[in-house]
Amino acid sequence: MWLFVFFDLPTATKKNRKDAARFRKNLETDGFVMHQFSVYVRFCGSLESAEVHIKRIRSFMPEAGKMSILSITDKQYSNMVNVWGKLEQKLQKKPVQLEFF
């Protein structure tokens, strides 16, 4: 199974921003990876495992905001179509090479 967590958390105040950052960090600590900015995904080996993670996510949800959790099968996940536009990447500086004589 795959769990998707969709959320919209307020960021108007410093406390809101801190709560939102803590929520995202807790998701990552629990094994979720960011799919999009407010969409995180995680694989679970069984329905029982998914239920444990759902319970855990509910426990660290901030007081304000909205969250939805969607569970889908591995077969459904494999049918996902992703379309990505051109991604801009910063040019990395080439390292300076040392020469020894």
N, C-alpha and C. Protein backbone atom coordinates (compact mmCIF):
# COMPACT_ATOMS: atom_id res chain seq x y z
N MET A 1 0.83 -1.19 0.00
CA MET A 1 0.00 0.00 0.00
C MET A 1 0.88 1.25 0.00
N TRP A 2 0.33 2.30 -0.53
CA TRP A 2 0.98 3.60 -0.51
C TRP A 2 0.07 4.57 0.22
N LEU A 3 0.65 5.38 1.09
CA LEU A 3 -0.09 6.43 1.79
C LEU A 3 0.31 7.78 1.22
N PHE A 4 -0.68 8.56 0.86
CA PHE A 4 -0.47 9.94 0.45
C PHE A 4 -1.04 10.84 1.53
N VAL A 5 -0.28 11.84 1.93
CA VAL A 5 -0.75 12.83 2.89
C VAL A 5 -0.78 14.17 2.16
N PHE A 6 -1.98 14.74 2.08
CA PHE A 6 -2.19 16.05 1.46
C PHE A 6 -2.52 17.02 2.58
N PHE A 7 -1.88 18.17 2.60
CA PHE A 7 -2.19 19.09 3.70
C PHE A 7 -2.07 20.54 3.24
N ASP A 8 -2.80 21.36 3.94
CA ASP A 8 -2.78 22.81 3.74
C ASP A 8 -2.74 23.43 5.13
N LEU A 9 -1.58 23.90 5.52
CA LEU A 9 -1.40 24.44 6.86
C LEU A 9 -1.18 25.95 6.80
N PRO A 10 -1.75 26.68 7.74
CA PRO A 10 -1.56 28.13 7.73
C PRO A 10 -0.11 28.51 8.05
N THR A 11 0.33 29.63 7.48
CA THR A 11 1.69 30.12 7.71
C THR A 11 1.69 31.62 8.00
N ALA A 12 0.58 32.13 8.50
CA ALA A 12 0.44 33.57 8.72
C ALA A 12 1.29 34.07 9.90
N THR A 13 1.42 33.25 10.92
CA THR A 13 2.17 33.68 12.10
C THR A 13 3.44 32.84 12.25
N LYS A 14 4.33 33.30 13.12
CA LYS A 14 5.56 32.56 13.37
C LYS A 14 5.25 31.18 13.95
N LYS A 15 4.25 31.10 14.83
CA LYS A 15 3.86 29.82 15.42
C LYS A 15 3.31 28.89 14.34
N ASN A 16 2.49 29.42 13.43
CA ASN A 16 1.96 28.61 12.33
C ASN A 16 3.09 28.03 11.48
N ARG A 17 4.06 28.87 11.14
CA ARG A 17 5.18 28.41 10.32
C ARG A 17 5.99 27.33 11.04
N LYS A 18 6.18 27.52 12.33
CA LYS A 18 6.92 26.54 13.12
C LYS A 18 6.16 25.21 13.19
N ASP A 19 4.84 25.29 13.39
CA ASP A 19 4.02 24.08 13.43
C ASP A 19 4.05 23.34 12.09
N ALA A 20 3.96 24.11 10.98
CA ALA A 20 3.99 23.50 9.64
C ALA A 20 5.33 22.83 9.39
N ALA A 21 6.41 23.49 9.76
CA ALA A 21 7.75 22.91 9.58
C ALA A 21 7.91 21.65 10.42
N ARG A 22 7.41 21.68 11.64
CA ARG A 22 7.50 20.51 12.52
C ARG A 22 6.68 19.34 11.93
N PHE A 23 5.51 19.65 11.38
CA PHE A 23 4.67 18.61 10.78
C PHE A 23 5.40 17.95 9.61
N ARG A 24 6.00 18.76 8.73
CA ARG A 24 6.74 18.20 7.59
C ARG A 24 7.93 17.37 8.07
N LYS A 25 8.62 17.85 9.08
CA LYS A 25 9.77 17.12 9.61
C LYS A 25 9.33 15.78 10.23
N ASN A 26 8.20 15.80 10.92
CA ASN A 26 7.67 14.56 11.50
C ASN A 26 7.28 13.56 10.41
N LEU A 27 6.72 14.05 9.30
CA LEU A 27 6.40 13.16 8.18
C LEU A 27 7.67 12.51 7.65
N GLU A 28 8.72 13.31 7.46
CA GLU A 28 9.98 12.77 6.95
C GLU A 28 10.60 11.78 7.92
N THR A 29 10.52 12.07 9.21
CA THR A 29 11.04 11.16 10.23
C THR A 29 10.29 9.83 10.20
N ASP A 30 9.00 9.89 9.83
CA ASP A 30 8.16 8.69 9.77
C ASP A 30 8.31 7.95 8.44
N GLY A 31 9.23 8.39 7.59
CA GLY A 31 9.51 7.67 6.36
C GLY A 31 8.82 8.20 5.11
N PHE A 32 8.13 9.32 5.23
CA PHE A 32 7.48 9.92 4.07
C PHE A 32 8.49 10.74 3.28
N VAL A 33 8.27 10.81 1.97
CA VAL A 33 9.09 11.67 1.12
C VAL A 33 8.17 12.65 0.41
N MET A 34 8.71 13.83 0.13
CA MET A 34 7.92 14.86 -0.51
C MET A 34 7.70 14.52 -1.98
N HIS A 35 6.44 14.48 -2.38
CA HIS A 35 6.08 14.27 -3.78
C HIS A 35 5.87 15.62 -4.45
N GLN A 36 5.18 16.50 -3.75
CA GLN A 36 5.05 17.91 -4.09
C GLN A 36 5.11 18.64 -2.77
N PHE A 37 5.06 19.98 -2.79
CA PHE A 37 5.32 20.71 -1.55
C PHE A 37 4.38 20.30 -0.41
N SER A 38 3.10 20.16 -0.65
CA SER A 38 2.17 19.77 0.42
C SER A 38 1.61 18.38 0.21
N VAL A 39 2.36 17.53 -0.47
CA VAL A 39 1.97 16.15 -0.72
C VAL A 39 3.16 15.26 -0.39
N TYR A 40 2.97 14.38 0.57
CA TYR A 40 4.02 13.44 0.95
C TYR A 40 3.50 12.02 0.74
N VAL A 41 4.42 11.10 0.45
CA VAL A 41 4.03 9.72 0.13
C VAL A 41 4.96 8.75 0.85
N ARG A 42 4.41 7.57 1.17
CA ARG A 42 5.19 6.54 1.86
C ARG A 42 4.64 5.17 1.50
N PHE A 43 5.52 4.21 1.32
CA PHE A 43 5.10 2.82 1.08
C PHE A 43 4.90 2.13 2.42
N CYS A 44 3.84 1.34 2.50
CA CYS A 44 3.57 0.51 3.68
C CYS A 44 3.38 -0.93 3.20
N GLY A 45 3.99 -1.86 3.87
CA GLY A 45 3.95 -3.26 3.45
C GLY A 45 2.61 -3.95 3.66
N SER A 46 1.76 -3.39 4.51
CA SER A 46 0.47 -4.03 4.78
C SER A 46 -0.54 -2.99 5.25
N LEU A 47 -1.79 -3.40 5.31
CA LEU A 47 -2.85 -2.51 5.81
C LEU A 47 -2.62 -2.17 7.27
N GLU A 48 -2.14 -3.14 8.04
CA GLU A 48 -1.87 -2.90 9.46
C GLU A 48 -0.79 -1.84 9.64
N SER A 49 0.26 -1.91 8.81
CA SER A 49 1.33 -0.91 8.86
C SER A 49 0.79 0.47 8.50
N ALA A 50 -0.06 0.52 7.48
CA ALA A 50 -0.66 1.79 7.07
C ALA A 50 -1.48 2.40 8.20
N GLU A 51 -2.24 1.57 8.90
CA GLU A 51 -3.07 2.06 10.01
C GLU A 51 -2.21 2.64 11.13
N VAL A 52 -1.06 2.02 11.39
CA VAL A 52 -0.14 2.54 12.41
C VAL A 52 0.35 3.93 12.01
N HIS A 53 0.73 4.09 10.75
CA HIS A 53 1.23 5.38 10.28
C HIS A 53 0.14 6.44 10.26
N ILE A 54 -1.08 6.05 9.90
CA ILE A 54 -2.20 6.99 9.90
C ILE A 54 -2.44 7.51 11.31
N LYS A 55 -2.41 6.60 12.28
CA LYS A 55 -2.60 7.00 13.68
C LYS A 55 -1.49 7.95 14.12
N ARG A 56 -0.26 7.66 13.71
CA ARG A 56 0.89 8.50 14.08
C ARG A 56 0.76 9.89 13.45
N ILE A 57 0.36 9.95 12.18
CA ILE A 57 0.21 11.24 11.50
C ILE A 57 -0.84 12.09 12.20
N ARG A 58 -1.95 11.47 12.56
CA ARG A 58 -3.01 12.21 13.27
C ARG A 58 -2.49 12.80 14.58
N SER A 59 -1.57 12.10 15.22
CA SER A 59 -1.08 12.56 16.52
C SER A 59 -0.23 13.81 16.42
N PHE A 60 0.46 14.03 15.29
CA PHE A 60 1.29 15.23 15.19
C PHE A 60 0.74 16.28 14.24
N MET A 61 -0.54 16.16 13.86
CA MET A 61 -1.18 17.19 13.04
C MET A 61 -1.38 18.45 13.87
N PRO A 62 -0.97 19.62 13.33
CA PRO A 62 -1.18 20.86 14.08
C PRO A 62 -2.67 21.15 14.28
N GLU A 63 -2.97 22.02 15.24
CA GLU A 63 -4.37 22.35 15.54
C GLU A 63 -5.06 23.01 14.36
N ALA A 64 -4.35 23.88 13.64
CA ALA A 64 -4.94 24.61 12.52
C ALA A 64 -4.54 23.94 11.21
N GLY A 65 -5.41 24.03 10.22
CA GLY A 65 -5.09 23.51 8.90
C GLY A 65 -5.96 22.34 8.52
N LYS A 66 -5.69 21.83 7.32
CA LYS A 66 -6.44 20.71 6.78
C LYS A 66 -5.47 19.62 6.34
N MET A 67 -5.92 18.37 6.48
CA MET A 67 -5.09 17.25 6.05
C MET A 67 -6.00 16.14 5.54
N SER A 68 -5.57 15.48 4.48
CA SER A 68 -6.26 14.30 3.96
C SER A 68 -5.22 13.20 3.78
N ILE A 69 -5.63 11.98 4.06
CA ILE A 69 -4.75 10.83 3.88
C ILE A 69 -5.44 9.87 2.91
N LEU A 70 -4.73 9.49 1.87
CA LEU A 70 -5.27 8.58 0.86
C LEU A 70 -4.39 7.34 0.82
N SER A 71 -5.00 6.16 0.89
CA SER A 71 -4.23 4.93 0.75
C SER A 71 -4.64 4.27 -0.57
N ILE A 72 -3.63 3.83 -1.32
CA ILE A 72 -3.87 3.15 -2.59
C ILE A 72 -2.99 1.92 -2.66
N THR A 73 -3.36 1.00 -3.52
CA THR A 73 -2.58 -0.23 -3.67
C THR A 73 -1.34 0.04 -4.50
N ASP A 74 -0.41 -0.88 -4.45
CA ASP A 74 0.82 -0.77 -5.23
C ASP A 74 0.50 -0.76 -6.73
N LYS A 75 -0.51 -1.53 -7.14
CA LYS A 75 -0.92 -1.58 -8.54
C LYS A 75 -1.45 -0.21 -8.99
N GLN A 76 -2.28 0.42 -8.16
CA GLN A 76 -2.80 1.74 -8.48
C GLN A 76 -1.67 2.76 -8.56
N TYR A 77 -0.72 2.66 -7.63
CA TYR A 77 0.42 3.58 -7.63
C TYR A 77 1.24 3.43 -8.91
N SER A 78 1.39 2.21 -9.38
CA SER A 78 2.19 1.99 -10.59
C SER A 78 1.53 2.57 -11.84
N ASN A 79 0.24 2.86 -11.77
CA ASN A 79 -0.47 3.46 -12.90
C ASN A 79 -0.41 4.98 -12.88
N MET A 80 0.28 5.57 -11.93
CA MET A 80 0.37 7.03 -11.84
C MET A 80 1.13 7.57 -13.04
N VAL A 81 0.63 8.66 -13.59
CA VAL A 81 1.30 9.33 -14.69
C VAL A 81 1.87 10.63 -14.15
N ASN A 82 3.18 10.83 -14.30
CA ASN A 82 3.84 12.05 -13.87
C ASN A 82 4.30 12.81 -15.11
N VAL A 83 3.98 14.07 -15.18
CA VAL A 83 4.44 14.93 -16.27
C VAL A 83 5.20 16.07 -15.63
N TRP A 84 6.47 16.16 -15.93
CA TRP A 84 7.32 17.19 -15.35
C TRP A 84 7.80 18.11 -16.44
N GLY A 85 7.68 19.39 -16.18
CA GLY A 85 8.23 20.38 -17.11
C GLY A 85 9.74 20.46 -16.95
N LYS A 86 10.32 21.40 -17.62
CA LYS A 86 11.76 21.59 -17.55
C LYS A 86 12.15 22.00 -16.13
N LEU A 87 13.12 21.31 -15.58
CA LEU A 87 13.59 21.60 -14.24
C LEU A 87 14.86 22.44 -14.34
N GLU A 88 14.88 23.53 -13.64
CA GLU A 88 16.07 24.38 -13.62
C GLU A 88 16.99 23.92 -12.51
N GLN A 89 18.25 23.78 -12.83
CA GLN A 89 19.24 23.40 -11.84
C GLN A 89 20.33 24.45 -11.83
N LYS A 90 20.79 24.77 -10.64
CA LYS A 90 21.89 25.71 -10.52
C LYS A 90 23.17 25.06 -11.03
N LEU A 91 23.96 25.82 -11.73
CA LEU A 91 25.25 25.30 -12.19
C LEU A 91 26.19 25.16 -11.00
N GLN A 92 26.79 24.01 -10.92
CA GLN A 92 27.74 23.79 -9.84
C GLN A 92 29.12 24.24 -10.30
N LYS A 93 29.82 24.90 -9.39
CA LYS A 93 31.17 25.33 -9.71
C LYS A 93 32.08 24.12 -9.80
N LYS A 94 32.95 24.14 -10.78
CA LYS A 94 33.92 23.06 -10.91
C LYS A 94 34.97 23.21 -9.83
N PRO A 95 35.35 22.11 -9.21
CA PRO A 95 36.37 22.20 -8.17
C PRO A 95 37.72 22.59 -8.76
N VAL A 96 38.48 23.28 -7.97
CA VAL A 96 39.83 23.68 -8.39
C VAL A 96 40.73 22.46 -8.22
N GLN A 97 41.47 22.17 -9.25
CA GLN A 97 42.33 21.00 -9.22
C GLN A 97 43.72 21.39 -8.76
N LEU A 98 44.24 20.66 -7.84
CA LEU A 98 45.60 20.89 -7.36
C LEU A 98 46.59 20.13 -8.23
N GLU A 99 47.70 20.73 -8.47
CA GLU A 99 48.74 20.06 -9.24
C GLU A 99 50.00 19.97 -8.38
N PHE A 100 50.56 18.79 -8.34
CA PHE A 100 51.80 18.58 -7.61
C PHE A 100 52.92 18.29 -8.61
N PHE A 101 54.05 18.94 -8.44
CA PHE A 101 55.20 18.74 -9.34
C PHE A 101 56.30 18.04 -8.60
